[in-house]
Amino acid sequence: MGNGYNVDIPALKTYANNLSFYTSEADKFGTLIDQAEVPEKAWGLVGLFAKQTYSEKLKELEDLLGQMKQGVENFSEKISTAAKVYEGMENDTAMSFGGHQTTIDGPK
């Protein structure tokens, strides 16, 4: 009926759902970061400076991982929203009666 794009809505929904894999992997990686923290006793007196730098880098990595996780969650929401919009458009059917055309429902 329309000239436009053909969108595979189930594929979009599946893709959005599969993105949660990366969120769970980020959680696993976060656990490993927590385990990578080395107690001060292990560094000794000479290694305290190195320990501070090491801890700062671990914190940076943890923050970056959190940002990446949030980005994946936001992307997943946007893909899900796009699937809903496309599905809504697909459900908004047009009926033709002779030379007349009417739209049932509108975009949601």
Protein backbone atom coordinates (compact mmCIF):
# COMPACT_ATOMS: atom_id res chain seq x y z
CA MET A 1 0.00 0.00 0.00
CA GLY A 2 2.69 2.49 0.94
CA ASN A 3 5.97 3.40 -0.61
CA GLY A 4 8.56 3.18 2.10
CA TYR A 5 10.76 0.97 4.11
CA ASN A 6 10.06 -2.58 5.14
CA VAL A 7 11.15 -3.01 8.76
CA ASP A 8 11.60 -6.41 10.38
CA ILE A 9 9.94 -5.57 13.71
CA PRO A 10 10.60 -8.94 15.40
CA ALA A 11 14.29 -8.58 14.50
CA LEU A 12 14.39 -5.13 16.14
CA LYS A 13 12.74 -6.50 19.28
CA THR A 14 15.12 -9.46 19.39
CA TYR A 15 18.12 -7.17 18.92
CA ALA A 16 16.97 -4.89 21.76
CA ASN A 17 16.46 -7.88 24.05
CA ASN A 18 19.85 -9.36 23.14
CA LEU A 19 21.60 -6.16 24.17
CA SER A 20 20.96 -7.16 27.79
CA PHE A 21 23.75 -9.72 27.27
CA TYR A 22 26.26 -6.87 27.22
CA THR A 23 24.84 -5.42 30.42
CA SER A 24 25.26 -8.75 32.20
CA GLU A 25 28.79 -9.09 30.80
CA ALA A 26 29.57 -5.61 32.12
CA ASP A 27 28.38 -6.74 35.56
CA LYS A 28 30.70 -9.75 35.38
CA PHE A 29 33.58 -7.53 34.36
CA GLY A 30 32.75 -5.16 37.22
CA THR A 31 33.06 -8.06 39.63
CA LEU A 32 36.51 -8.80 38.22
CA ILE A 33 37.50 -5.16 38.71
CA ASP A 34 36.44 -5.39 42.35
CA GLN A 35 38.56 -8.51 42.74
CA ALA A 36 41.54 -6.75 41.14
CA GLU A 37 41.87 -4.31 44.04
CA VAL A 38 45.05 -5.19 45.91
CA PRO A 39 45.26 -4.46 49.67
CA GLU A 40 47.87 -1.96 50.87
CA LYS A 41 49.79 -4.64 52.78
CA ALA A 42 50.61 -6.36 49.50
CA TRP A 43 52.25 -3.22 48.09
CA GLY A 44 54.64 -2.58 50.94
CA LEU A 45 55.98 0.83 51.86
CA VAL A 46 57.76 1.46 48.55
CA GLY A 47 54.77 0.44 46.47
CA LEU A 48 52.23 2.80 48.08
CA PHE A 49 52.64 5.38 45.30
CA ALA A 50 52.12 2.70 42.67
CA LYS A 51 49.13 1.39 44.62
CA GLN A 52 47.50 4.84 44.52
CA THR A 53 47.94 5.07 40.74
CA TYR A 54 46.72 1.49 40.33
CA SER A 55 43.60 2.20 42.41
CA GLU A 56 42.89 5.39 40.44
CA LYS A 57 43.11 3.48 37.14
CA LEU A 58 40.79 0.77 38.48
CA LYS A 59 38.30 3.50 39.48
CA GLU A 60 38.54 5.04 36.00
CA LEU A 61 37.92 1.64 34.46
CA GLU A 62 34.95 1.07 36.75
CA ASP A 63 33.49 4.48 35.82
CA LEU A 64 34.00 3.82 32.11
CA LEU A 65 32.32 0.45 32.44
CA GLY A 66 29.35 2.11 34.15
CA GLN A 67 29.06 4.63 31.31
CA MET A 68 29.24 1.86 28.72
CA LYS A 69 26.57 -0.11 30.56
CA GLN A 70 24.31 2.95 30.69
CA GLY A 71 24.90 3.53 26.99
CA VAL A 72 23.86 -0.03 26.14
CA GLU A 73 20.73 0.31 28.29
CA ASN A 74 19.83 3.62 26.59
CA PHE A 75 20.46 2.12 23.14
CA SER A 76 18.29 -0.88 23.99
CA GLU A 77 15.46 1.44 25.06
CA LYS A 78 15.76 3.43 21.83
CA ILE A 79 15.68 0.29 19.68
CA SER A 80 12.63 -0.96 21.62
CA THR A 81 10.92 2.39 21.12
CA ALA A 82 11.69 2.31 17.40
CA ALA A 83 10.19 -1.19 17.18
CA LYS A 84 7.04 0.05 18.93
CA VAL A 85 6.77 3.04 16.59
CA TYR A 86 7.20 0.89 13.49
CA GLU A 87 4.75 -1.65 14.86
CA GLY A 88 2.26 1.15 15.55
CA MET A 89 2.63 2.45 12.01
CA GLU A 90 2.15 -1.04 10.65
CA ASN A 91 -1.00 -1.47 12.72
CA ASP A 92 -2.38 1.86 11.51
CA THR A 93 -3.94 0.49 8.40
CA ALA A 94 -5.54 2.42 5.60
CA MET A 95 -8.72 1.19 4.02
CA SER A 96 -9.66 2.01 0.46
CA PHE A 97 -13.23 2.13 -0.74
CA GLY A 98 -13.29 2.82 -4.44
CA GLY A 99 -11.50 6.12 -4.88
CA HIS A 100 -11.68 7.02 -1.19
CA GLN A 101 -9.10 6.20 1.41
CA THR A 102 -9.38 6.49 5.19
CA THR A 103 -6.95 5.90 8.00
CA ILE A 104 -7.95 3.79 10.97
CA ASP A 105 -6.26 5.08 14.11
CA GLY A 106 -3.28 7.34 13.88
CA PRO A 107 0.35 7.13 14.83
CA LYS A 108 0.75 6.49 18.53
